[in-house]
Amino acid sequence: MVTDAPADLELRPLNGEPHTLRELLTTFHLVTAVLD
């Protein structure tokens, strides 16, 4: 486990264009459940 997430890590929403964590975290924290 890392202690800091990479700012340039891109997450691709199901309905949209990818955004970096830096872009997604400008206003709110992010809580995600990661599933296979």
Full PDB file with SEQRES, HELIX, SHEET, SSBOND, CRYST1, ORIGX, SCALE, CONECT and MASTER records, all heavy atoms in Angstrom:
SEQRES   1 A   36  MET VAL THR ASP ALA PRO ALA ASP LEU GLU LEU ARG PRO          
SEQRES   2 A   36  LEU ASN GLY GLU PRO HIS THR LEU ARG GLU LEU LEU THR          
SEQRES   3 A   36  THR PHE HIS LEU VAL THR ALA VAL LEU ASP                      
HELIX    1 AA1 LEU A   21  LEU A   24  1                                   4    
CRYST1    1.000    1.000    1.000  90.00  90.00  90.00 P 1           1          
ORIGX1      1.000000  0.000000  0.000000        0.00000                         
ORIGX2      0.000000  1.000000  0.000000        0.00000                         
ORIGX3      0.000000  0.000000  1.000000        0.00000                         
SCALE1      1.000000  0.000000  0.000000        0.00000                         
SCALE2      0.000000  1.000000  0.000000        0.00000                         
SCALE3      0.000000  0.000000  1.000000        0.00000                         
ATOM      1  N   MET A   1       0.846  -1.172   0.000  1.00  0.00           N  
ATOM      2  CA  MET A   1       0.000   0.000   0.000  1.00  0.00           C  
ATOM      3  C   MET A   1       0.896   1.242   0.000  1.00  0.00           C  
ATOM      4  O   MET A   1       1.872   1.303   0.723  1.00  0.00           O  
ATOM      5  CB  MET A   1      -0.894  -0.028   1.231  1.00  0.00           C  
ATOM      6  CG  MET A   1      -1.766   1.188   1.413  1.00  0.00           C  
ATOM      7  SD  MET A   1      -2.951   1.531   0.128  1.00  0.00           S  
ATOM      8  CE  MET A   1      -3.894   0.056   0.109  1.00  0.00           C  
ATOM      9  N   VAL A   2       0.516   2.207  -0.813  1.00  0.00           N  
ATOM     10  CA  VAL A   2       1.249   3.467  -0.862  1.00  0.00           C  
ATOM     11  C   VAL A   2       0.684   4.411   0.196  1.00  0.00           C  
ATOM     12  O   VAL A   2      -0.446   4.245   0.653  1.00  0.00           O  
ATOM     13  CB  VAL A   2       1.164   4.116  -2.272  1.00  0.00           C  
ATOM     14  CG1 VAL A   2       1.814   3.229  -3.315  1.00  0.00           C  
ATOM     15  CG2 VAL A   2      -0.263   4.424  -2.652  1.00  0.00           C  
ATOM     16  N   THR A   3       1.468   5.401   0.586  1.00  0.00           N  
ATOM     17  CA  THR A   3       0.985   6.385   1.555  1.00  0.00           C  
ATOM     18  C   THR A   3       0.374   7.597   0.869  1.00  0.00           C  
ATOM     19  O   THR A   3      -0.435   8.297   1.460  1.00  0.00           O  
ATOM     20  CB  THR A   3       2.119   6.839   2.493  1.00  0.00           C  
ATOM     21  OG1 THR A   3       3.184   7.361   1.707  1.00  0.00           O  
ATOM     22  CG2 THR A   3       2.616   5.682   3.335  1.00  0.00           C  
ATOM     23  N   ASP A   4       0.785   7.856  -0.370  1.00  0.00           N  
ATOM     24  CA  ASP A   4       0.235   8.954  -1.159  1.00  0.00           C  
ATOM     25  C   ASP A   4      -0.130   8.431  -2.541  1.00  0.00           C  
ATOM     26  O   ASP A   4       0.661   7.726  -3.175  1.00  0.00           O  
ATOM     27  CB  ASP A   4       1.242  10.092  -1.309  1.00  0.00           C  
ATOM     28  CG  ASP A   4       1.539  10.783   0.011  1.00  0.00           C  
ATOM     29  OD1 ASP A   4       0.577  11.148   0.703  1.00  0.00           O  
ATOM     30  OD2 ASP A   4       2.721  10.947   0.345  1.00  0.00           O  
ATOM     31  N   ALA A   5      -1.302   8.814  -3.008  1.00  0.00           N  
ATOM     32  CA  ALA A   5      -1.732   8.421  -4.351  1.00  0.00           C  
ATOM     33  C   ALA A   5      -1.062   9.330  -5.370  1.00  0.00           C  
ATOM     34  O   ALA A   5      -0.871  10.520  -5.114  1.00  0.00           O  
ATOM     35  CB  ALA A   5      -3.250   8.530  -4.453  1.00  0.00           C  
ATOM     36  N   PRO A   6      -0.686   8.814  -6.539  1.00  0.00           N  
ATOM     37  CA  PRO A   6      -0.056   9.638  -7.562  1.00  0.00           C  
ATOM     38  C   PRO A   6      -1.043  10.664  -8.125  1.00  0.00           C  
ATOM     39  O   PRO A   6      -2.148  10.311  -8.542  1.00  0.00           O  
ATOM     40  CB  PRO A   6       0.362   8.646  -8.648  1.00  0.00           C  
ATOM     41  CG  PRO A   6       0.017   7.284  -8.158  1.00  0.00           C  
ATOM     42  CD  PRO A   6      -0.785   7.410  -6.921  1.00  0.00           C  
ATOM     43  N   ALA A   7      -0.660  11.922  -8.132  1.00  0.00           N  
ATOM     44  CA  ALA A   7      -1.529  13.004  -8.607  1.00  0.00           C  
ATOM     45  C   ALA A   7      -1.945  12.806 -10.054  1.00  0.00           C  
ATOM     46  O   ALA A   7      -3.049  13.170 -10.452  1.00  0.00           O  
ATOM     47  CB  ALA A   7      -0.834  14.355  -8.439  1.00  0.00           C  
ATOM     48  N   ASP A   8      -1.060  12.222 -10.858  1.00  0.00           N  
ATOM     49  CA  ASP A   8      -1.351  12.062 -12.283  1.00  0.00           C  
ATOM     50  C   ASP A   8      -2.053  10.743 -12.615  1.00  0.00           C  
ATOM     51  O   ASP A   8      -2.305  10.451 -13.781  1.00  0.00           O  
ATOM     52  CB  ASP A   8      -0.078  12.203 -13.108  1.00  0.00           C  
ATOM     53  CG  ASP A   8       0.969  11.143 -12.758  1.00  0.00           C  
ATOM     54  OD1 ASP A   8       0.832  10.472 -11.719  1.00  0.00           O  
ATOM     55  OD2 ASP A   8       1.926  11.000 -13.539  1.00  0.00           O  
ATOM     56  N   LEU A   9      -2.412   9.958 -11.608  1.00  0.00           N  
ATOM     57  CA  LEU A   9      -3.123   8.703 -11.832  1.00  0.00           C  
ATOM     58  C   LEU A   9      -4.500   9.016 -12.405  1.00  0.00           C  
ATOM     59  O   LEU A   9      -5.263   9.779 -11.829  1.00  0.00           O  
ATOM     60  CB  LEU A   9      -3.270   7.927 -10.522  1.00  0.00           C  
ATOM     61  CG  LEU A   9      -4.002   6.593 -10.599  1.00  0.00           C  
ATOM     62  CD1 LEU A   9      -3.224   5.597 -11.463  1.00  0.00           C  
ATOM     63  CD2 LEU A   9      -4.234   6.035  -9.218  1.00  0.00           C  
ATOM     64  N   GLU A  10      -4.804   8.453 -13.568  1.00  0.00           N  
ATOM     65  CA  GLU A  10      -6.086   8.714 -14.210  1.00  0.00           C  
ATOM     66  C   GLU A  10      -7.121   7.662 -13.831  1.00  0.00           C  
ATOM     67  O   GLU A  10      -6.831   6.464 -13.818  1.00  0.00           O  
ATOM     68  CB  GLU A  10      -5.939   8.738 -15.731  1.00  0.00           C  
ATOM     69  CG  GLU A  10      -5.282   9.983 -16.253  1.00  0.00           C  
ATOM     70  CD  GLU A  10      -5.375  10.106 -17.760  1.00  0.00           C  
ATOM     71  OE1 GLU A  10      -5.620   9.097 -18.441  1.00  0.00           O  
ATOM     72  OE2 GLU A  10      -5.188  11.219 -18.252  1.00  0.00           O  
ATOM     73  N   LEU A  11      -8.302   8.148 -13.528  1.00  0.00           N  
ATOM     74  CA  LEU A  11      -9.447   7.277 -13.285  1.00  0.00           C  
ATOM     75  C   LEU A  11     -10.460   7.564 -14.390  1.00  0.00           C  
ATOM     76  O   LEU A  11     -10.757   8.719 -14.687  1.00  0.00           O  
ATOM     77  CB  LEU A  11     -10.066   7.534 -11.917  1.00  0.00           C  
ATOM     78  CG  LEU A  11      -9.194   7.195 -10.717  1.00  0.00           C  
ATOM     79  CD1 LEU A  11      -9.913   7.541  -9.424  1.00  0.00           C  
ATOM     80  CD2 LEU A  11      -8.808   5.730 -10.723  1.00  0.00           C  
ATOM     81  N   ARG A  12     -10.955   6.506 -14.993  1.00  0.00           N  
ATOM     82  CA  ARG A  12     -11.894   6.643 -16.112  1.00  0.00           C  
ATOM     83  C   ARG A  12     -13.312   6.348 -15.637  1.00  0.00           C  
ATOM     84  O   ARG A  12     -13.648   5.210 -15.321  1.00  0.00           O  
ATOM     85  CB  ARG A  12     -11.516   5.695 -17.235  1.00  0.00           C  
ATOM     86  CG  ARG A  12     -12.493   5.728 -18.378  1.00  0.00           C  
ATOM     87  CD  ARG A  12     -12.145   4.756 -19.489  1.00  0.00           C  
ATOM     88  NE  ARG A  12     -12.662   5.307 -20.700  1.00  0.00           N  
ATOM     89  CZ  ARG A  12     -11.957   6.038 -21.560  1.00  0.00           C  
ATOM     90  NH1 ARG A  12     -10.690   6.250 -21.358  1.00  0.00           N  
ATOM     91  NH2 ARG A  12     -12.526   6.528 -22.629  1.00  0.00           N  
ATOM     92  N   PRO A  13     -14.159   7.395 -15.606  1.00  0.00           N  
ATOM     93  CA  PRO A  13     -15.552   7.154 -15.220  1.00  0.00           C  
ATOM     94  C   PRO A  13     -16.282   6.342 -16.286  1.00  0.00           C  
ATOM     95  O   PRO A  13     -15.938   6.406 -17.467  1.00  0.00           O  
ATOM     96  CB  PRO A  13     -16.159   8.548 -15.090  1.00  0.00           C  
ATOM     97  CG  PRO A  13     -15.154   9.509 -15.551  1.00  0.00           C  
ATOM     98  CD  PRO A  13     -13.886   8.786 -15.870  1.00  0.00           C  
ATOM     99  N   LEU A  14     -17.262   5.614 -15.864  1.00  0.00           N  
ATOM    100  CA  LEU A  14     -18.052   4.787 -16.761  1.00  0.00           C  
ATOM    101  C   LEU A  14     -18.676   5.627 -17.874  1.00  0.00           C  
ATOM    102  O   LEU A  14     -18.753   5.198 -19.007  1.00  0.00           O  
ATOM    103  CB  LEU A  14     -19.140   4.072 -15.953  1.00  0.00           C  
ATOM    104  CG  LEU A  14     -19.976   3.018 -16.630  1.00  0.00           C  
ATOM    105  CD1 LEU A  14     -19.106   1.923 -17.223  1.00  0.00           C  
ATOM    106  CD2 LEU A  14     -20.954   2.430 -15.630  1.00  0.00           C  
ATOM    107  N   ASN A  15     -19.092   6.817 -17.547  1.00  0.00           N  
ATOM    108  CA  ASN A  15     -19.739   7.701 -18.523  1.00  0.00           C  
ATOM    109  C   ASN A  15     -18.953   8.992 -18.672  1.00  0.00           C  
ATOM    110  O   ASN A  15     -19.400  10.046 -18.258  1.00  0.00           O  
ATOM    111  CB  ASN A  15     -21.171   8.023 -18.091  1.00  0.00           C  
ATOM    112  CG  ASN A  15     -22.031   6.795 -17.994  1.00  0.00           C  
ATOM    113  OD1 ASN A  15     -22.027   5.977 -18.895  1.00  0.00           O  
ATOM    114  ND2 ASN A  15     -22.757   6.648 -16.901  1.00  0.00           N  
ATOM    115  N   GLY A  16     -17.762   8.926 -19.231  1.00  0.00           N  
ATOM    116  CA  GLY A  16     -17.026  10.169 -19.401  1.00  0.00           C  
ATOM    117  C   GLY A  16     -15.565   9.976 -19.697  1.00  0.00           C  
ATOM    118  O   GLY A  16     -15.077   8.857 -19.875  1.00  0.00           O  
ATOM    119  N   GLU A  17     -14.886  11.107 -19.732  1.00  0.00           N  
ATOM    120  CA  GLU A  17     -13.461  11.140 -20.017  1.00  0.00           C  
ATOM    121  C   GLU A  17     -12.653  10.923 -18.739  1.00  0.00           C  
ATOM    122  O   GLU A  17     -13.102  11.277 -17.648  1.00  0.00           O  
ATOM    123  CB  GLU A  17     -13.092  12.495 -20.631  1.00  0.00           C  
ATOM    124  CG  GLU A  17     -13.751  12.756 -21.976  1.00  0.00           C  
ATOM    125  CD  GLU A  17     -13.349  11.730 -23.025  1.00  0.00           C  
ATOM    126  OE1 GLU A  17     -12.143  11.438 -23.134  1.00  0.00           O  
ATOM    127  OE2 GLU A  17     -14.241  11.214 -23.717  1.00  0.00           O  
ATOM    128  N   PRO A  18     -11.443  10.379 -18.874  1.00  0.00           N  
ATOM    129  CA  PRO A  18     -10.605  10.171 -17.688  1.00  0.00           C  
ATOM    130  C   PRO A  18     -10.217  11.498 -17.022  1.00  0.00           C  
ATOM    131  O   PRO A  18     -10.105  12.528 -17.691  1.00  0.00           O  
ATOM    132  CB  PRO A  18      -9.359   9.480 -18.245  1.00  0.00           C  
ATOM    133  CG  PRO A  18      -9.689   9.062 -19.620  1.00  0.00           C  
ATOM    134  CD  PRO A  18     -10.817   9.904 -20.088  1.00  0.00           C  
ATOM    135  N   HIS A  19     -10.033  11.431 -15.723  1.00  0.00           N  
ATOM    136  CA  HIS A  19      -9.561  12.576 -14.937  1.00  0.00           C  
ATOM    137  C   HIS A  19      -8.464  12.093 -14.000  1.00  0.00           C  
ATOM    138  O   HIS A  19      -8.515  10.974 -13.503  1.00  0.00           O  
ATOM    139  CB  HIS A  19     -10.694  13.180 -14.110  1.00  0.00           C  
ATOM    140  CG  HIS A  19     -11.775  13.800 -14.926  1.00  0.00           C  
ATOM    141  ND1 HIS A  19     -11.651  15.034 -15.513  1.00  0.00           N  
ATOM    142  CD2 HIS A  19     -12.990  13.334 -15.267  1.00  0.00           C  
ATOM    143  CE1 HIS A  19     -12.744  15.316 -16.179  1.00  0.00           C  
ATOM    144  NE2 HIS A  19     -13.580  14.291 -16.053  1.00  0.00           N  
ATOM    145  N   THR A  20      -7.511  12.961 -13.742  1.00  0.00           N  
ATOM    146  CA  THR A  20      -6.458  12.613 -12.798  1.00  0.00           C  
ATOM    147  C   THR A  20      -6.998  12.729 -11.373  1.00  0.00           C  
ATOM    148  O   THR A  20      -8.001  13.416 -11.133  1.00  0.00           O  
ATOM    149  CB  THR A  20      -5.239  13.539 -12.939  1.00  0.00           C  
ATOM    150  OG1 THR A  20      -5.626  14.872 -12.580  1.00  0.00           O  
ATOM    151  CG2 THR A  20      -4.668  13.508 -14.355  1.00  0.00           C  
ATOM    152  N   LEU A  21      -6.326  12.077 -10.466  1.00  0.00           N  
ATOM    153  CA  LEU A  21      -6.723  12.205  -9.059  1.00  0.00           C  
ATOM    154  C   LEU A  21      -6.664  13.658  -8.623  1.00  0.00           C  
ATOM    155  O   LEU A  21      -7.529  14.112  -7.880  1.00  0.00           O  
ATOM    156  CB  LEU A  21      -5.829  11.345  -8.170  1.00  0.00           C  
ATOM    157  CG  LEU A  21      -6.212   9.879  -8.072  1.00  0.00           C  
ATOM    158  CD1 LEU A  21      -5.221   9.125  -7.197  1.00  0.00           C  
ATOM    159  CD2 LEU A  21      -7.611   9.703  -7.534  1.00  0.00           C  
ATOM    160  N   ARG A  22      -5.656  14.381  -9.086  1.00  0.00           N  
ATOM    161  CA  ARG A  22      -5.549  15.808  -8.729  1.00  0.00           C  
ATOM    162  C   ARG A  22      -6.833  16.539  -9.132  1.00  0.00           C  
ATOM    163  O   ARG A  22      -7.365  17.335  -8.365  1.00  0.00           O  
ATOM    164  CB  ARG A  22      -4.325  16.434  -9.404  1.00  0.00           C  
ATOM    165  CG  ARG A  22      -4.217  17.934  -9.277  1.00  0.00           C  
ATOM    166  CD  ARG A  22      -4.088  18.478  -7.875  1.00  0.00           C  
ATOM    167  NE  ARG A  22      -2.858  18.045  -7.254  1.00  0.00           N  
ATOM    168  CZ  ARG A  22      -2.740  17.817  -5.941  1.00  0.00           C  
ATOM    169  NH1 ARG A  22      -3.742  18.013  -5.131  1.00  0.00           N  
ATOM    170  NH2 ARG A  22      -1.611  17.430  -5.431  1.00  0.00           N  
ATOM    171  N   GLU A  23      -7.365  16.247 -10.312  1.00  0.00           N  
ATOM    172  CA  GLU A  23      -8.601  16.898 -10.763  1.00  0.00           C  
ATOM    173  C   GLU A  23      -9.800  16.442  -9.939  1.00  0.00           C  
ATOM    174  O   GLU A  23     -10.673  17.245  -9.604  1.00  0.00           O  
ATOM    175  CB  GLU A  23      -8.857  16.577 -12.244  1.00  0.00           C  
ATOM    176  CG  GLU A  23      -7.848  17.190 -13.188  1.00  0.00           C  
ATOM    177  CD  GLU A  23      -7.963  16.659 -14.603  1.00  0.00           C  
ATOM    178  OE1 GLU A  23      -8.332  15.479 -14.788  1.00  0.00           O  
ATOM    179  OE2 GLU A  23      -7.661  17.436 -15.525  1.00  0.00           O  
ATOM    180  N   LEU A  24      -9.860  15.176  -9.616  1.00  0.00           N  
ATOM    181  CA  LEU A  24     -11.001  14.634  -8.880  1.00  0.00           C  
ATOM    182  C   LEU A  24     -11.029  15.065  -7.416  1.00  0.00           C  
ATOM    183  O   LEU A  24     -12.084  15.061  -6.788  1.00  0.00           O  
ATOM    184  CB  LEU A  24     -10.994  13.104  -8.950  1.00  0.00           C  
ATOM    185  CG  LEU A  24     -11.316  12.506 -10.314  1.00  0.00           C  
ATOM    186  CD1 LEU A  24     -10.976  11.019 -10.334  1.00  0.00           C  
ATOM    187  CD2 LEU A  24     -12.783  12.726 -10.657  1.00  0.00           C  
ATOM    188  N   LEU A  25      -9.878  15.426  -6.887  1.00  0.00           N  
ATOM    189  CA  LEU A  25      -9.784  15.726  -5.458  1.00  0.00           C  
ATOM    190  C   LEU A  25      -9.719  17.226  -5.163  1.00  0.00           C  
ATOM    191  O   LEU A  25      -9.319  17.613  -4.076  1.00  0.00           O  
ATOM    192  CB  LEU A  25      -8.565  15.017  -4.864  1.00  0.00           C  
ATOM    193  CG  LEU A  25      -8.649  13.491  -4.868  1.00  0.00           C  
ATOM    194  CD1 LEU A  25      -7.317  12.870  -4.484  1.00  0.00           C  
ATOM    195  CD2 LEU A  25      -9.751  13.011  -3.951  1.00  0.00           C  
ATOM    196  N   THR A  26     -10.137  18.069  -6.092  1.00  0.00           N  
ATOM    197  CA  THR A  26     -10.064  19.513  -5.841  1.00  0.00           C  
ATOM    198  C   THR A  26     -11.036  19.960  -4.755  1.00  0.00           C  
ATOM    199  O   THR A  26     -10.760  20.914  -4.040  1.00  0.00           O  
ATOM    200  CB  THR A  26     -10.339  20.326  -7.128  1.00  0.00           C  
ATOM    201  OG1 THR A  26     -11.615  19.941  -7.641  1.00  0.00           O  
ATOM    202  CG2 THR A  26      -9.262  20.107  -8.162  1.00  0.00           C  
ATOM    203  N   THR A  27     -12.164  19.292  -4.610  1.00  0.00           N  
ATOM    204  CA  THR A  27     -13.183  19.722  -3.663  1.00  0.00           C  
ATOM    205  C   THR A  27     -13.437  18.727  -2.540  1.00  0.00           C  
ATOM    206  O   THR A  27     -13.652  19.119  -1.404  1.00  0.00           O  
ATOM    207  CB  THR A  27     -14.518  19.975  -4.397  1.00  0.00           C  
ATOM    208  OG1 THR A  27     -14.267  20.847  -5.498  1.00  0.00           O  
ATOM    209  CG2 THR A  27     -15.529  20.624  -3.485  1.00  0.00           C  
ATOM    210  N   PHE A  28     -13.420  17.445  -2.865  1.00  0.00           N  
ATOM    211  CA  PHE A  28     -13.809  16.425  -1.895  1.00  0.00           C  
ATOM    212  C   PHE A  28     -12.782  15.303  -1.808  1.00  0.00           C  
ATOM    213  O   PHE A  28     -12.035  15.065  -2.748  1.00  0.00           O  
ATOM    214  CB  PHE A  28     -15.152  15.789  -2.306  1.00  0.00           C  
ATOM    215  CG  PHE A  28     -16.294  16.746  -2.352  1.00  0.00           C  
ATOM    216  CD1 PHE A  28     -16.828  17.139  -3.560  1.00  0.00           C  
ATOM    217  CD2 PHE A  28     -16.847  17.241  -1.185  1.00  0.00           C  
ATOM    218  CE1 PHE A  28     -17.897  18.028  -3.609  1.00  0.00           C  
ATOM    219  CE2 PHE A  28     -17.909  18.129  -1.223  1.00  0.00           C  
ATOM    220  CZ  PHE A  28     -18.434  18.520  -2.443  1.00  0.00           C  
ATOM    221  N   HIS A  29     -12.802  14.607  -0.685  1.00  0.00           N  
ATOM    222  CA  HIS A  29     -12.065  13.351  -0.556  1.00  0.00           C  
ATOM    223  C   HIS A  29     -12.712  12.343  -1.499  1.00  0.00           C  
ATOM    224  O   HIS A  29     -13.855  12.523  -1.917  1.00  0.00           O  
ATOM    225  CB  HIS A  29     -12.182  12.796   0.861  1.00  0.00           C  
ATOM    226  CG  HIS A  29     -11.530  13.637   1.911  1.00  0.00           C  
ATOM    227  ND1 HIS A  29     -10.939  13.092   3.023  1.00  0.00           N  
ATOM    228  CD2 HIS A  29     -11.378  14.972   2.041  1.00  0.00           C  
ATOM    229  CE1 HIS A  29     -10.462  14.051   3.785  1.00  0.00           C  
ATOM    230  NE2 HIS A  29     -10.729  15.199   3.209  1.00  0.00           N  
ATOM    231  N   LEU A  30     -11.993  11.269  -1.801  1.00  0.00           N  
ATOM    232  CA  LEU A  30     -12.531  10.187  -2.616  1.00  0.00           C  
ATOM    233  C   LEU A  30     -12.516   8.901  -1.793  1.00  0.00           C  
ATOM    234  O   LEU A  30     -11.493   8.566  -1.182  1.00  0.00           O  
ATOM    235  CB  LEU A  30     -11.699   9.992  -3.884  1.00  0.00           C  
ATOM    236  CG  LEU A  30     -12.084   8.792  -4.763  1.00  0.00           C  
ATOM    237  CD1 LEU A  30     -13.488   8.958  -5.340  1.00  0.00           C  
ATOM    238  CD2 LEU A  30     -11.057   8.605  -5.879  1.00  0.00           C  
ATOM    239  N   VAL A  31     -13.645   8.216  -1.783  1.00  0.00           N  
ATOM    240  CA  VAL A  31     -13.753   6.914  -1.137  1.00  0.00           C  
ATOM    241  C   VAL A  31     -14.222   5.949  -2.212  1.00  0.00           C  
ATOM    242  O   VAL A  31     -15.284   6.138  -2.796  1.00  0.00           O  
ATOM    243  CB  VAL A  31     -14.760   6.931   0.024  1.00  0.00           C  
ATOM    244  CG1 VAL A  31     -14.840   5.568   0.682  1.00  0.00           C  
ATOM    245  CG2 VAL A  31     -14.399   8.006   1.018  1.00  0.00           C  
ATOM    246  N   THR A  32     -13.413   4.942  -2.497  1.00  0.00           N  
ATOM    247  CA  THR A  32     -13.790   3.999  -3.533  1.00  0.00           C  
ATOM    248  C   THR A  32     -13.648   2.562  -3.057  1.00  0.00           C  
ATOM    249  O   THR A  32     -12.683   2.213  -2.363  1.00  0.00           O  
ATOM    250  CB  THR A  32     -12.981   4.231  -4.836  1.00  0.00           C  
ATOM    251  OG1 THR A  32     -13.495   3.392  -5.868  1.00  0.00           O  
ATOM    252  CG2 THR A  32     -11.499   4.005  -4.649  1.00  0.00           C  
ATOM    253  N   ALA A  33     -14.627   1.778  -3.415  1.00  0.00           N  
ATOM    254  CA  ALA A  33     -14.558   0.335  -3.217  1.00  0.00           C  
ATOM    255  C   ALA A  33     -14.038  -0.246  -4.524  1.00  0.00           C  
ATOM    256  O   ALA A  33     -14.601   0.015  -5.592  1.00  0.00           O  
ATOM    257  CB  ALA A  33     -15.922  -0.230  -2.887  1.00  0.00           C  
ATOM    258  N   VAL A  34     -12.956  -0.979  -4.457  1.00  0.00           N  
ATOM    259  CA  VAL A  34     -12.324  -1.550  -5.651  1.00  0.00           C  
ATOM    260  C   VAL A  34     -12.657  -3.031  -5.702  1.00  0.00           C  
ATOM    261  O   VAL A  34     -12.337  -3.772  -4.775  1.00  0.00           O  
ATOM    262  CB  VAL A  34     -10.793  -1.328  -5.624  1.00  0.00           C  
ATOM    263  CG1 VAL A  34     -10.172  -1.803  -6.931  1.00  0.00           C  
ATOM    264  CG2 VAL A  34     -10.449   0.140  -5.363  1.00  0.00           C  
ATOM    265  N   LEU A  35     -13.308  -3.426  -6.800  1.00  0.00           N  
ATOM    266  CA  LEU A  35     -13.777  -4.807  -6.926  1.00  0.00           C  
ATOM    267  C   LEU A  35     -13.284  -5.429  -8.219  1.00  0.00           C  
ATOM    268  O   LEU A  35     -13.136  -4.747  -9.236  1.00  0.00           O  
ATOM    269  CB  LEU A  35     -15.312  -4.849  -6.927  1.00  0.00           C  
ATOM    270  CG  LEU A  35     -16.030  -4.253  -5.725  1.00  0.00           C  
ATOM    271  CD1 LEU A  35     -17.535  -4.251  -5.964  1.00  0.00           C  
ATOM    272  CD2 LEU A  35     -15.700  -5.021  -4.464  1.00  0.00           C  
ATOM    273  N   ASP A  36     -13.080  -6.727  -8.169  1.00  0.00           N  
ATOM    274  CA  ASP A  36     -12.784  -7.517  -9.354  1.00  0.00           C  
ATOM    275  C   ASP A  36     -14.075  -8.221  -9.748  1.00  0.00           C  
ATOM    276  O   ASP A  36     -14.496  -9.173  -9.086  1.00  0.00           O  
ATOM    277  CB  ASP A  36     -11.690  -8.542  -9.047  1.00  0.00           C  
ATOM    278  CG  ASP A  36     -11.332  -9.409 -10.233  1.00  0.00           C  
ATOM    279  OD1 ASP A  36     -12.074  -9.401 -11.243  1.00  0.00           O  
ATOM    280  OD2 ASP A  36     -10.314 -10.108 -10.158  1.00  0.00           O  
TER     281      ASP A  36                                                      
MASTER        0    0    0    1    0    0    0    6  280    1    0    3          
END                                                                             
